[in-house]
N, C-alpha and C. Protein backbone atom coordinates (compact mmCIF):
# COMPACT_ATOMS: atom_id res chain seq x y z
N MET A 1 18.63 -132.37 77.14
CA MET A 1 18.65 -131.00 77.59
C MET A 1 18.29 -130.96 79.08
N ALA A 2 19.10 -130.30 79.85
CA ALA A 2 18.86 -130.16 81.29
C ALA A 2 17.65 -129.27 81.53
N ARG A 3 16.82 -129.68 82.46
CA ARG A 3 15.60 -128.95 82.79
C ARG A 3 15.62 -128.52 84.25
N LYS A 4 14.92 -127.43 84.54
CA LYS A 4 14.68 -127.02 85.91
C LYS A 4 13.30 -127.56 86.28
N ILE A 5 13.26 -128.48 87.24
CA ILE A 5 12.04 -129.22 87.55
C ILE A 5 11.63 -128.98 89.00
N PHE A 6 10.35 -128.69 89.20
CA PHE A 6 9.79 -128.65 90.54
C PHE A 6 8.86 -129.85 90.65
N ILE A 7 9.12 -130.71 91.63
CA ILE A 7 8.31 -131.91 91.80
C ILE A 7 7.16 -131.59 92.75
N GLY A 8 5.94 -131.74 92.26
CA GLY A 8 4.75 -131.61 93.09
C GLY A 8 4.51 -132.96 93.73
N ALA A 9 4.93 -133.09 94.98
CA ALA A 9 4.92 -134.40 95.62
C ALA A 9 4.16 -134.39 96.93
N PRO A 10 3.58 -135.53 97.30
CA PRO A 10 2.93 -135.64 98.60
C PRO A 10 3.94 -135.48 99.73
N LEU A 11 3.48 -134.91 100.83
CA LEU A 11 4.35 -134.65 101.98
C LEU A 11 3.86 -135.33 103.25
N SER A 12 2.83 -136.14 103.16
CA SER A 12 2.15 -136.63 104.35
C SER A 12 2.91 -137.68 105.16
N THR A 13 3.75 -138.48 104.50
CA THR A 13 4.44 -139.55 105.21
C THR A 13 5.93 -139.52 104.91
N TRP A 14 6.70 -140.15 105.79
CA TRP A 14 8.15 -140.25 105.56
C TRP A 14 8.42 -141.06 104.30
N GLU A 15 7.60 -142.06 104.05
CA GLU A 15 7.78 -142.88 102.85
C GLU A 15 7.61 -142.04 101.58
N GLN A 16 6.59 -141.18 101.55
CA GLN A 16 6.38 -140.31 100.40
C GLN A 16 7.54 -139.35 100.23
N ARG A 17 8.03 -138.80 101.32
CA ARG A 17 9.16 -137.87 101.25
C ARG A 17 10.43 -138.59 100.79
N ALA A 18 10.64 -139.82 101.25
CA ALA A 18 11.82 -140.60 100.83
C ALA A 18 11.75 -140.92 99.35
N PHE A 19 10.56 -141.27 98.86
CA PHE A 19 10.41 -141.57 97.43
C PHE A 19 10.72 -140.33 96.59
N SER A 20 10.15 -139.19 96.97
CA SER A 20 10.39 -137.99 96.17
C SER A 20 11.85 -137.55 96.26
N GLN A 21 12.49 -137.78 97.41
CA GLN A 21 13.92 -137.46 97.54
C GLN A 21 14.74 -138.34 96.60
N ARG A 22 14.41 -139.63 96.52
CA ARG A 22 15.13 -140.53 95.60
C ARG A 22 14.88 -140.11 94.16
N LEU A 23 13.66 -139.72 93.84
CA LEU A 23 13.35 -139.25 92.49
C LEU A 23 14.17 -138.01 92.16
N LYS A 24 14.30 -137.11 93.12
CA LYS A 24 15.13 -135.91 92.93
C LYS A 24 16.57 -136.31 92.62
N GLU A 25 17.11 -137.27 93.38
CA GLU A 25 18.49 -137.71 93.17
C GLU A 25 18.69 -138.29 91.78
N VAL A 26 17.75 -139.13 91.33
CA VAL A 26 17.85 -139.75 90.00
C VAL A 26 17.79 -138.70 88.91
N LEU A 27 16.85 -137.77 89.02
CA LEU A 27 16.74 -136.71 88.01
C LEU A 27 17.96 -135.79 88.03
N SER A 28 18.50 -135.52 89.21
CA SER A 28 19.71 -134.70 89.32
C SER A 28 20.90 -135.41 88.68
N GLU A 29 21.01 -136.72 88.91
CA GLU A 29 22.08 -137.49 88.28
C GLU A 29 21.99 -137.48 86.76
N ALA A 30 20.76 -137.30 86.25
CA ALA A 30 20.55 -137.22 84.80
C ALA A 30 20.82 -135.81 84.28
N GLY A 31 21.23 -134.90 85.17
CA GLY A 31 21.62 -133.56 84.75
C GLY A 31 20.60 -132.47 84.95
N HIS A 32 19.49 -132.77 85.61
CA HIS A 32 18.44 -131.79 85.81
C HIS A 32 18.60 -131.09 87.16
N ASP A 33 18.08 -129.87 87.23
CA ASP A 33 18.06 -129.07 88.46
C ASP A 33 16.69 -129.28 89.08
N VAL A 34 16.64 -129.97 90.22
CA VAL A 34 15.36 -130.43 90.78
C VAL A 34 15.13 -129.84 92.17
N THR A 35 13.90 -129.40 92.40
CA THR A 35 13.49 -128.87 93.69
C THR A 35 12.26 -129.63 94.17
N LEU A 36 12.20 -129.88 95.48
CA LEU A 36 11.07 -130.55 96.11
C LEU A 36 10.33 -129.57 97.03
N PRO A 37 9.05 -129.83 97.30
CA PRO A 37 8.33 -128.98 98.24
C PRO A 37 8.98 -128.94 99.62
N GLN A 38 9.53 -130.07 100.07
CA GLN A 38 10.13 -130.12 101.40
C GLN A 38 11.49 -129.44 101.48
N ASP A 39 11.99 -128.95 100.35
CA ASP A 39 13.25 -128.18 100.37
C ASP A 39 13.07 -126.81 101.01
N PHE A 40 11.81 -126.39 101.19
CA PHE A 40 11.51 -125.08 101.75
C PHE A 40 11.06 -125.20 103.19
N LYS A 41 11.42 -124.24 104.00
CA LYS A 41 10.99 -124.20 105.40
C LYS A 41 9.84 -123.20 105.53
N ASP A 42 8.86 -123.58 106.33
CA ASP A 42 7.70 -122.71 106.57
C ASP A 42 7.95 -121.86 107.80
N GLU A 43 8.04 -120.56 107.59
CA GLU A 43 8.26 -119.65 108.72
C GLU A 43 7.08 -118.72 108.95
N LYS A 44 5.99 -118.91 108.19
CA LYS A 44 4.84 -118.01 108.32
C LYS A 44 3.53 -118.78 108.36
N ASN A 45 3.51 -119.93 109.02
CA ASN A 45 2.30 -120.75 109.16
C ASN A 45 1.62 -121.04 107.81
N GLY A 46 2.37 -121.50 106.86
CA GLY A 46 1.82 -121.87 105.56
C GLY A 46 1.97 -120.81 104.50
N LEU A 47 1.88 -119.54 104.88
CA LEU A 47 1.96 -118.46 103.89
C LEU A 47 3.34 -118.37 103.27
N GLY A 48 4.37 -118.66 104.05
CA GLY A 48 5.73 -118.65 103.52
C GLY A 48 5.94 -119.75 102.50
N LEU A 49 5.35 -120.92 102.76
CA LEU A 49 5.48 -122.03 101.81
C LEU A 49 4.78 -121.74 100.50
N THR A 50 3.58 -121.23 100.55
CA THR A 50 2.86 -120.99 99.31
C THR A 50 3.59 -119.97 98.44
N ALA A 51 4.16 -118.95 99.05
CA ALA A 51 4.92 -117.96 98.29
C ALA A 51 6.20 -118.58 97.71
N ALA A 52 6.88 -119.40 98.51
CA ALA A 52 8.11 -120.05 98.03
C ALA A 52 7.79 -121.03 96.91
N TRP A 53 6.71 -121.80 97.08
CA TRP A 53 6.34 -122.76 96.03
C TRP A 53 5.95 -122.02 94.75
N ARG A 54 5.28 -120.89 94.88
CA ARG A 54 4.92 -120.12 93.68
C ARG A 54 6.17 -119.67 92.94
N ARG A 55 7.15 -119.15 93.66
CA ARG A 55 8.41 -118.73 93.02
C ARG A 55 9.10 -119.93 92.36
N ALA A 56 9.07 -121.08 93.02
CA ALA A 56 9.70 -122.28 92.45
C ALA A 56 8.99 -122.72 91.18
N VAL A 57 7.67 -122.68 91.18
CA VAL A 57 6.91 -123.05 89.98
C VAL A 57 7.17 -122.05 88.86
N GLU A 58 7.17 -120.76 89.18
CA GLU A 58 7.41 -119.72 88.17
C GLU A 58 8.77 -119.88 87.50
N SER A 59 9.76 -120.33 88.25
CA SER A 59 11.11 -120.44 87.68
C SER A 59 11.38 -121.81 87.07
N ALA A 60 10.44 -122.73 87.17
CA ALA A 60 10.65 -124.09 86.65
C ALA A 60 10.35 -124.17 85.16
N ASP A 61 11.06 -125.08 84.50
CA ASP A 61 10.74 -125.40 83.10
C ASP A 61 9.51 -126.30 83.03
N LEU A 62 9.34 -127.12 84.07
CA LEU A 62 8.17 -127.98 84.16
C LEU A 62 7.97 -128.47 85.58
N VAL A 63 6.74 -128.90 85.85
CA VAL A 63 6.38 -129.50 87.13
C VAL A 63 6.14 -130.98 86.88
N LEU A 64 6.77 -131.82 87.68
CA LEU A 64 6.53 -133.25 87.66
C LEU A 64 5.63 -133.53 88.86
N ALA A 65 4.37 -133.90 88.60
CA ALA A 65 3.37 -134.06 89.66
C ALA A 65 3.14 -135.53 89.95
N LEU A 66 3.31 -135.91 91.21
CA LEU A 66 3.06 -137.28 91.65
C LEU A 66 1.64 -137.34 92.20
N THR A 67 0.79 -138.14 91.53
CA THR A 67 -0.65 -138.12 91.86
C THR A 67 -1.20 -139.51 92.15
N ASP A 68 -0.48 -140.30 92.91
CA ASP A 68 -0.93 -141.66 93.20
C ASP A 68 -2.05 -141.72 94.22
N SER A 69 -2.62 -142.90 94.31
CA SER A 69 -3.62 -143.33 95.29
C SER A 69 -4.94 -142.58 95.19
N GLY A 70 -5.78 -142.78 96.19
CA GLY A 70 -7.15 -142.29 96.15
C GLY A 70 -7.30 -140.82 95.90
N ASP A 71 -6.99 -140.02 96.88
CA ASP A 71 -7.11 -138.58 96.74
C ASP A 71 -5.75 -137.97 96.49
N VAL A 72 -5.72 -136.95 95.67
CA VAL A 72 -4.45 -136.27 95.40
C VAL A 72 -4.04 -135.51 96.66
N ASP A 73 -2.79 -135.64 97.02
CA ASP A 73 -2.24 -134.96 98.19
C ASP A 73 -2.43 -133.45 98.03
N PRO A 74 -2.79 -132.75 99.12
CA PRO A 74 -3.01 -131.30 99.02
C PRO A 74 -1.80 -130.52 98.48
N ALA A 75 -0.60 -130.89 98.89
CA ALA A 75 0.58 -130.17 98.40
C ALA A 75 0.75 -130.39 96.90
N ALA A 76 0.63 -131.64 96.46
CA ALA A 76 0.78 -131.94 95.03
C ALA A 76 -0.32 -131.24 94.21
N GLY A 77 -1.55 -131.26 94.73
CA GLY A 77 -2.65 -130.60 94.03
C GLY A 77 -2.47 -129.10 93.96
N PHE A 78 -2.00 -128.50 95.04
CA PHE A 78 -1.75 -127.05 95.06
C PHE A 78 -0.68 -126.69 94.03
N ILE A 79 0.39 -127.45 93.99
CA ILE A 79 1.48 -127.17 93.05
C ILE A 79 1.01 -127.36 91.61
N MET A 80 0.21 -128.41 91.36
CA MET A 80 -0.36 -128.58 90.01
C MET A 80 -1.22 -127.40 89.63
N GLY A 81 -2.05 -126.93 90.57
CA GLY A 81 -2.91 -125.79 90.29
C GLY A 81 -2.12 -124.53 89.97
N LEU A 82 -1.07 -124.30 90.75
CA LEU A 82 -0.19 -123.15 90.47
C LEU A 82 0.39 -123.25 89.07
N ALA A 83 0.95 -124.42 88.75
CA ALA A 83 1.58 -124.59 87.44
C ALA A 83 0.57 -124.38 86.32
N CYS A 84 -0.61 -124.93 86.50
CA CYS A 84 -1.65 -124.78 85.47
C CYS A 84 -2.01 -123.30 85.30
N ALA A 85 -2.21 -122.59 86.40
CA ALA A 85 -2.58 -121.17 86.34
C ALA A 85 -1.47 -120.32 85.74
N LEU A 86 -0.21 -120.71 85.98
CA LEU A 86 0.92 -119.92 85.50
C LEU A 86 1.41 -120.36 84.12
N GLY A 87 0.80 -121.39 83.56
CA GLY A 87 1.19 -121.85 82.23
C GLY A 87 2.48 -122.64 82.20
N VAL A 88 2.87 -123.22 83.33
CA VAL A 88 4.08 -124.04 83.38
C VAL A 88 3.68 -125.47 83.02
N PRO A 89 4.37 -126.11 82.08
CA PRO A 89 4.01 -127.47 81.68
C PRO A 89 4.04 -128.44 82.86
N ILE A 90 3.10 -129.39 82.85
CA ILE A 90 2.98 -130.39 83.90
C ILE A 90 3.08 -131.78 83.29
N VAL A 91 3.93 -132.62 83.89
CA VAL A 91 3.95 -134.04 83.59
C VAL A 91 3.43 -134.74 84.83
N GLU A 92 2.33 -135.47 84.68
CA GLU A 92 1.74 -136.21 85.79
C GLU A 92 2.34 -137.61 85.79
N LEU A 93 2.87 -138.03 86.93
CA LEU A 93 3.46 -139.36 87.07
C LEU A 93 2.66 -140.17 88.07
N ARG A 94 2.17 -141.32 87.61
CA ARG A 94 1.43 -142.24 88.47
C ARG A 94 2.23 -143.53 88.61
N THR A 95 2.44 -143.95 89.84
CA THR A 95 3.18 -145.18 90.09
C THR A 95 2.31 -146.24 90.75
N ASP A 96 1.08 -145.90 91.07
CA ASP A 96 0.17 -146.80 91.77
C ASP A 96 -0.34 -147.88 90.81
N PHE A 97 -0.21 -149.13 91.22
CA PHE A 97 -0.67 -150.24 90.38
C PHE A 97 -2.18 -150.39 90.39
N ASN A 98 -2.83 -149.86 91.41
CA ASN A 98 -4.28 -149.98 91.54
C ASN A 98 -4.96 -148.78 90.92
N PRO A 99 -6.16 -149.00 90.39
CA PRO A 99 -6.91 -147.83 89.91
C PRO A 99 -7.18 -146.91 91.09
N ARG A 100 -7.42 -145.66 90.80
CA ARG A 100 -7.66 -144.70 91.87
C ARG A 100 -8.91 -145.09 92.64
N ARG A 101 -8.72 -145.29 93.90
CA ARG A 101 -9.85 -145.62 94.78
C ARG A 101 -10.35 -144.34 95.40
N GLY A 102 -11.67 -144.15 95.36
CA GLY A 102 -12.24 -143.01 96.05
C GLY A 102 -12.26 -141.73 95.25
N THR A 103 -11.74 -141.74 94.03
CA THR A 103 -11.80 -140.52 93.24
C THR A 103 -12.89 -140.65 92.18
N ALA A 104 -13.51 -139.56 91.92
CA ALA A 104 -14.52 -139.52 90.87
C ALA A 104 -13.82 -139.44 89.52
N PRO A 105 -14.45 -139.98 88.49
CA PRO A 105 -13.84 -139.86 87.14
C PRO A 105 -13.55 -138.41 86.77
N GLU A 106 -14.35 -137.48 87.29
CA GLU A 106 -14.13 -136.07 86.99
C GLU A 106 -12.78 -135.61 87.53
N THR A 107 -12.38 -136.15 88.69
CA THR A 107 -11.08 -135.78 89.26
C THR A 107 -9.97 -136.24 88.35
N ASP A 108 -10.04 -137.47 87.85
CA ASP A 108 -9.03 -137.96 86.92
C ASP A 108 -8.96 -137.09 85.68
N ARG A 109 -10.12 -136.73 85.14
CA ARG A 109 -10.13 -135.90 83.93
C ARG A 109 -9.55 -134.51 84.21
N LEU A 110 -9.83 -133.94 85.37
CA LEU A 110 -9.27 -132.64 85.72
C LEU A 110 -7.75 -132.70 85.79
N LEU A 111 -7.22 -133.72 86.47
CA LEU A 111 -5.77 -133.86 86.58
C LEU A 111 -5.14 -134.07 85.22
N GLU A 112 -5.73 -134.95 84.43
CA GLU A 112 -5.16 -135.25 83.12
C GLU A 112 -5.26 -134.05 82.18
N SER A 113 -6.32 -133.25 82.31
CA SER A 113 -6.42 -132.07 81.43
C SER A 113 -5.43 -130.99 81.85
N ALA A 114 -5.11 -130.91 83.15
CA ALA A 114 -4.12 -129.94 83.61
C ALA A 114 -2.72 -130.34 83.16
N ALA A 115 -2.48 -131.64 83.15
CA ALA A 115 -1.16 -132.15 82.77
C ALA A 115 -1.06 -132.25 81.26
N GLY A 116 0.05 -131.81 80.72
CA GLY A 116 0.28 -131.97 79.29
C GLY A 116 0.53 -133.42 78.92
N LYS A 117 1.00 -134.19 79.93
CA LYS A 117 1.31 -135.60 79.71
C LYS A 117 1.07 -136.34 81.01
N THR A 118 0.45 -137.53 80.90
CA THR A 118 0.28 -138.42 82.05
C THR A 118 1.06 -139.68 81.76
N VAL A 119 1.94 -140.05 82.69
CA VAL A 119 2.79 -141.23 82.53
C VAL A 119 2.41 -142.24 83.60
N LEU A 120 2.06 -143.45 83.15
CA LEU A 120 1.80 -144.55 84.07
C LEU A 120 3.07 -145.38 84.11
N ALA A 121 3.78 -145.29 85.22
CA ALA A 121 5.05 -146.01 85.34
C ALA A 121 4.77 -147.51 85.34
N THR A 122 5.39 -148.21 84.42
CA THR A 122 5.14 -149.64 84.29
C THR A 122 6.39 -150.49 84.52
N GLY A 123 7.53 -149.86 84.46
CA GLY A 123 8.77 -150.60 84.67
C GLY A 123 9.51 -150.00 85.84
N ASN A 124 10.70 -149.53 85.59
CA ASN A 124 11.47 -148.83 86.62
C ASN A 124 10.93 -147.41 86.69
N VAL A 125 10.27 -147.08 87.79
CA VAL A 125 9.60 -145.79 87.91
C VAL A 125 10.57 -144.63 87.72
N PHE A 126 11.80 -144.79 88.18
CA PHE A 126 12.77 -143.71 88.07
C PHE A 126 13.19 -143.50 86.62
N SER A 127 13.42 -144.58 85.90
CA SER A 127 13.74 -144.47 84.47
C SER A 127 12.57 -143.89 83.70
N ASP A 128 11.35 -144.32 84.05
CA ASP A 128 10.15 -143.79 83.39
C ASP A 128 10.03 -142.29 83.63
N ALA A 129 10.36 -141.83 84.84
CA ALA A 129 10.28 -140.40 85.16
C ALA A 129 11.31 -139.60 84.37
N VAL A 130 12.53 -140.10 84.29
CA VAL A 130 13.58 -139.40 83.53
C VAL A 130 13.17 -139.30 82.07
N LYS A 131 12.68 -140.40 81.50
CA LYS A 131 12.25 -140.40 80.10
C LYS A 131 11.10 -139.40 79.88
N ALA A 132 10.13 -139.40 80.79
CA ALA A 132 8.98 -138.50 80.64
C ALA A 132 9.40 -137.04 80.67
N VAL A 133 10.30 -136.70 81.56
CA VAL A 133 10.80 -135.32 81.67
C VAL A 133 11.59 -134.93 80.43
N GLU A 134 12.40 -135.82 79.95
CA GLU A 134 13.24 -135.50 78.81
C GLU A 134 12.50 -135.50 77.49
N ASP A 135 11.36 -136.21 77.44
CA ASP A 135 10.53 -136.22 76.23
C ASP A 135 9.58 -135.05 76.16
N GLU A 136 9.37 -134.37 77.28
CA GLU A 136 8.41 -133.26 77.34
C GLU A 136 8.97 -132.04 76.62
């Protein structure tokens, strides 16, 4: 079944943006309608983005949240929070081979409790993401 997916992804580096763009392409090829945070332009010093992201989360069937490395990226965390508050299902995807450095166990529990499902990618991360979205 095709899903409308908003990916809560880090925006801090070109590498993170390239990864989320590739993830969007793979999910789109699998028949899903996918939106990324960077698909929106900010014309109001942040306020335009938050409103656009809220509309995107409200219209999504689910949020796929990328939560790798030490601290959760502010954009990904904001999108997860919106989805949680609005009752939109969240699938948390972790691709980091290392345990979270610098995060308190409480942070992990908060993220996992917000997400209906946490997927630790162990093989092909893109195949794991498609399977997680389609199983949700």
